[in-house]
Amino acid sequence: MNTPASFLSELKDKIDQVLQQSPARDLEKNMKAMLNQGFSKLDLLTREEFDIQTEVLSRTRARLEALEARVAELEAQHKA
């Protein structure tokens, strides 16, 4: 007699085999391929590229703020 764990394991294996051979599996592959093709036509960034650009923007913003402060300081000196 099978133990409940081995019975469940065998049942899972059989279900996996059926799913691997079913048209649903082909449908899944086709949908993934279609979505990947559609996404490739869009101008999307990876998360890594987004994070890099966010860091570049942050450094640029900090530099801009420092330059604005320096310009304000020089303008104040010029008026005095």
N, C-alpha and C. Protein backbone atom coordinates (compact mmCIF):
# COMPACT_ATOMS: atom_id res chain seq x y z
N MET A 1 0.84 -1.19 0.00
CA MET A 1 0.00 0.00 0.00
C MET A 1 0.88 1.25 0.00
N ASN A 2 0.50 2.23 -0.81
CA ASN A 2 1.27 3.47 -0.90
C ASN A 2 1.00 4.36 0.30
N THR A 3 2.04 5.06 0.70
CA THR A 3 1.83 6.05 1.74
C THR A 3 1.18 7.27 1.11
N PRO A 4 0.51 8.09 1.92
CA PRO A 4 -0.14 9.29 1.35
C PRO A 4 0.86 10.20 0.63
N ALA A 5 2.08 10.30 1.14
CA ALA A 5 3.07 11.17 0.51
C ALA A 5 3.48 10.62 -0.85
N SER A 6 3.69 9.31 -0.94
CA SER A 6 4.10 8.75 -2.23
C SER A 6 2.94 8.79 -3.21
N PHE A 7 1.72 8.59 -2.72
CA PHE A 7 0.55 8.69 -3.59
C PHE A 7 0.44 10.09 -4.18
N LEU A 8 0.60 11.10 -3.34
CA LEU A 8 0.52 12.48 -3.80
C LEU A 8 1.65 12.80 -4.77
N SER A 9 2.83 12.26 -4.50
CA SER A 9 3.97 12.48 -5.39
C SER A 9 3.71 11.85 -6.76
N GLU A 10 3.19 10.62 -6.76
CA GLU A 10 2.87 9.96 -8.03
C GLU A 10 1.78 10.71 -8.78
N LEU A 11 0.78 11.17 -8.04
CA LEU A 11 -0.31 11.93 -8.66
C LEU A 11 0.23 13.22 -9.29
N LYS A 12 1.10 13.90 -8.58
CA LYS A 12 1.69 15.13 -9.10
C LYS A 12 2.49 14.84 -10.38
N ASP A 13 3.28 13.77 -10.35
CA ASP A 13 4.08 13.40 -11.53
C ASP A 13 3.18 13.11 -12.73
N LYS A 14 2.10 12.39 -12.50
CA LYS A 14 1.19 12.07 -13.60
C LYS A 14 0.50 13.31 -14.15
N ILE A 15 0.12 14.21 -13.26
CA ILE A 15 -0.50 15.47 -13.71
C ILE A 15 0.50 16.30 -14.51
N ASP A 16 1.74 16.34 -14.04
CA ASP A 16 2.79 17.07 -14.78
C ASP A 16 3.00 16.48 -16.17
N GLN A 17 2.98 15.13 -16.26
CA GLN A 17 3.14 14.49 -17.57
C GLN A 17 2.00 14.85 -18.50
N VAL A 18 0.78 14.84 -17.99
CA VAL A 18 -0.38 15.19 -18.81
C VAL A 18 -0.29 16.63 -19.27
N LEU A 19 0.09 17.51 -18.36
CA LEU A 19 0.19 18.93 -18.72
C LEU A 19 1.30 19.18 -19.74
N GLN A 20 2.40 18.45 -19.63
CA GLN A 20 3.50 18.62 -20.58
C GLN A 20 3.08 18.23 -21.99
N GLN A 21 2.17 17.28 -22.09
CA GLN A 21 1.75 16.78 -23.39
C GLN A 21 0.46 17.42 -23.88
N SER A 22 -0.11 18.32 -23.10
CA SER A 22 -1.41 18.89 -23.47
C SER A 22 -1.24 20.10 -24.38
N PRO A 23 -2.30 20.46 -25.09
CA PRO A 23 -2.27 21.66 -25.92
C PRO A 23 -2.10 22.94 -25.09
N ALA A 24 -2.45 22.87 -23.81
CA ALA A 24 -2.28 24.04 -22.95
C ALA A 24 -0.82 24.44 -22.87
N ARG A 25 0.06 23.47 -22.88
CA ARG A 25 1.50 23.75 -22.83
C ARG A 25 1.94 24.51 -24.08
N ASP A 26 1.47 24.06 -25.24
CA ASP A 26 1.78 24.75 -26.49
C ASP A 26 1.21 26.16 -26.49
N LEU A 27 0.00 26.29 -25.96
CA LEU A 27 -0.63 27.60 -25.89
C LEU A 27 0.19 28.54 -25.02
N GLU A 28 0.67 28.02 -23.90
CA GLU A 28 1.50 28.83 -23.00
C GLU A 28 2.77 29.29 -23.71
N LYS A 29 3.43 28.37 -24.40
CA LYS A 29 4.66 28.73 -25.13
C LYS A 29 4.38 29.79 -26.19
N ASN A 30 3.28 29.61 -26.92
CA ASN A 30 2.93 30.57 -27.98
C ASN A 30 2.60 31.93 -27.40
N MET A 31 1.89 31.97 -26.28
CA MET A 31 1.55 33.25 -25.64
C MET A 31 2.82 33.95 -25.16
N LYS A 32 3.73 33.20 -24.56
CA LYS A 32 4.98 33.80 -24.08
C LYS A 32 5.78 34.37 -25.25
N ALA A 33 5.84 33.63 -26.34
CA ALA A 33 6.58 34.11 -27.51
C ALA A 33 5.92 35.36 -28.08
N MET A 34 4.61 35.37 -28.13
CA MET A 34 3.89 36.53 -28.66
C MET A 34 4.10 37.76 -27.77
N LEU A 35 4.03 37.55 -26.45
CA LEU A 35 4.24 38.67 -25.53
C LEU A 35 5.68 39.19 -25.60
N ASN A 36 6.64 38.28 -25.67
CA ASN A 36 8.04 38.70 -25.79
C ASN A 36 8.26 39.50 -27.06
N GLN A 37 7.66 39.06 -28.16
CA GLN A 37 7.79 39.79 -29.42
C GLN A 37 7.16 41.17 -29.30
N GLY A 38 5.99 41.26 -28.68
CA GLY A 38 5.34 42.56 -28.50
C GLY A 38 6.14 43.48 -27.62
N PHE A 39 6.69 42.95 -26.52
CA PHE A 39 7.48 43.77 -25.61
C PHE A 39 8.77 44.23 -26.27
N SER A 40 9.34 43.41 -27.13
CA SER A 40 10.59 43.79 -27.79
C SER A 40 10.38 44.98 -28.73
N LYS A 41 9.16 45.15 -29.22
CA LYS A 41 8.88 46.29 -30.10
C LYS A 41 8.72 47.58 -29.31
N LEU A 42 8.45 47.47 -28.02
CA LEU A 42 8.33 48.66 -27.18
C LEU A 42 9.72 49.10 -26.74
N ASP A 43 9.84 50.35 -26.41
CA ASP A 43 11.13 50.89 -25.97
C ASP A 43 11.17 50.81 -24.44
N LEU A 44 11.38 49.62 -23.92
CA LEU A 44 11.37 49.40 -22.48
C LEU A 44 12.78 49.24 -21.94
N LEU A 45 12.94 49.58 -20.67
CA LEU A 45 14.21 49.41 -19.98
C LEU A 45 14.15 48.21 -19.06
N THR A 46 15.29 47.63 -18.81
CA THR A 46 15.36 46.61 -17.77
C THR A 46 15.40 47.34 -16.42
N ARG A 47 15.16 46.62 -15.35
CA ARG A 47 15.19 47.22 -14.02
C ARG A 47 16.60 47.76 -13.74
N GLU A 48 17.61 47.03 -14.16
CA GLU A 48 18.99 47.46 -13.94
C GLU A 48 19.27 48.78 -14.66
N GLU A 49 18.83 48.89 -15.91
CA GLU A 49 19.02 50.13 -16.67
C GLU A 49 18.27 51.28 -16.01
N PHE A 50 17.06 51.00 -15.52
CA PHE A 50 16.28 52.03 -14.84
C PHE A 50 17.00 52.52 -13.58
N ASP A 51 17.51 51.57 -12.78
CA ASP A 51 18.22 51.94 -11.55
C ASP A 51 19.46 52.77 -11.85
N ILE A 52 20.18 52.42 -12.92
CA ILE A 52 21.37 53.18 -13.30
C ILE A 52 20.98 54.60 -13.69
N GLN A 53 19.94 54.75 -14.49
CA GLN A 53 19.50 56.07 -14.92
C GLN A 53 18.99 56.89 -13.74
N THR A 54 18.34 56.24 -12.78
CA THR A 54 17.88 56.93 -11.57
C THR A 54 19.06 57.49 -10.79
N GLU A 55 20.12 56.70 -10.68
CA GLU A 55 21.32 57.15 -9.97
C GLU A 55 21.99 58.30 -10.71
N VAL A 56 22.08 58.21 -12.03
CA VAL A 56 22.67 59.29 -12.84
C VAL A 56 21.85 60.57 -12.65
N LEU A 57 20.53 60.45 -12.68
CA LEU A 57 19.67 61.61 -12.49
C LEU A 57 19.86 62.22 -11.11
N SER A 58 19.99 61.39 -10.10
CA SER A 58 20.20 61.87 -8.74
C SER A 58 21.50 62.65 -8.62
N ARG A 59 22.58 62.12 -9.20
CA ARG A 59 23.86 62.83 -9.16
C ARG A 59 23.78 64.14 -9.95
N THR A 60 23.10 64.12 -11.09
CA THR A 60 22.96 65.32 -11.91
C THR A 60 22.17 66.38 -11.16
N ARG A 61 21.10 65.95 -10.49
CA ARG A 61 20.29 66.90 -9.72
C ARG A 61 21.12 67.53 -8.60
N ALA A 62 21.92 66.74 -7.90
CA ALA A 62 22.76 67.26 -6.81
C ALA A 62 23.78 68.25 -7.36
N ARG A 63 24.35 67.92 -8.50
CA ARG A 63 25.33 68.84 -9.12
C ARG A 63 24.66 70.14 -9.55
N LEU A 64 23.46 70.05 -10.12
CA LEU A 64 22.72 71.24 -10.54
C LEU A 64 22.42 72.13 -9.34
N GLU A 65 21.99 71.52 -8.24
CA GLU A 65 21.69 72.31 -7.04
C GLU A 65 22.94 72.99 -6.51
N ALA A 66 24.09 72.31 -6.55
CA ALA A 66 25.34 72.92 -6.11
C ALA A 66 25.72 74.08 -7.02
N LEU A 67 25.55 73.91 -8.34
CA LEU A 67 25.86 74.99 -9.28
C LEU A 67 24.92 76.18 -9.10
N GLU A 68 23.65 75.91 -8.85
CA GLU A 68 22.71 77.01 -8.60
C GLU A 68 23.09 77.79 -7.35
N ALA A 69 23.51 77.08 -6.31
CA ALA A 69 23.94 77.75 -5.08
C ALA A 69 25.19 78.59 -5.34
N ARG A 70 26.10 78.05 -6.13
CA ARG A 70 27.33 78.79 -6.45
C ARG A 70 27.03 80.05 -7.27
N VAL A 71 26.11 79.94 -8.24
CA VAL A 71 25.72 81.10 -9.05
C VAL A 71 25.07 82.15 -8.16
N ALA A 72 24.20 81.73 -7.24
CA ALA A 72 23.56 82.68 -6.32
C ALA A 72 24.61 83.37 -5.46
N GLU A 73 25.60 82.62 -5.02
CA GLU A 73 26.69 83.19 -4.21
C GLU A 73 27.49 84.20 -5.02
N LEU A 74 27.83 83.88 -6.25
CA LEU A 74 28.58 84.80 -7.08
C LEU A 74 27.77 86.05 -7.40
N GLU A 75 26.47 85.89 -7.65
CA GLU A 75 25.61 87.05 -7.90
C GLU A 75 25.55 87.96 -6.69
N ALA A 76 25.50 87.36 -5.50
CA ALA A 76 25.46 88.14 -4.27
C ALA A 76 26.77 88.91 -4.08
N GLN A 77 27.90 88.26 -4.40
CA GLN A 77 29.19 88.93 -4.30
C GLN A 77 29.30 90.06 -5.32
N HIS A 78 28.76 89.85 -6.49
CA HIS A 78 28.83 90.85 -7.55
C HIS A 78 28.01 92.08 -7.19
N LYS A 79 26.88 91.90 -6.55
CA LYS A 79 26.02 93.02 -6.17
C LYS A 79 26.61 93.81 -5.01
N ALA A 80 27.41 93.16 -4.19
CA ALA A 80 27.94 93.83 -3.01
C ALA A 80 29.10 94.73 -3.32
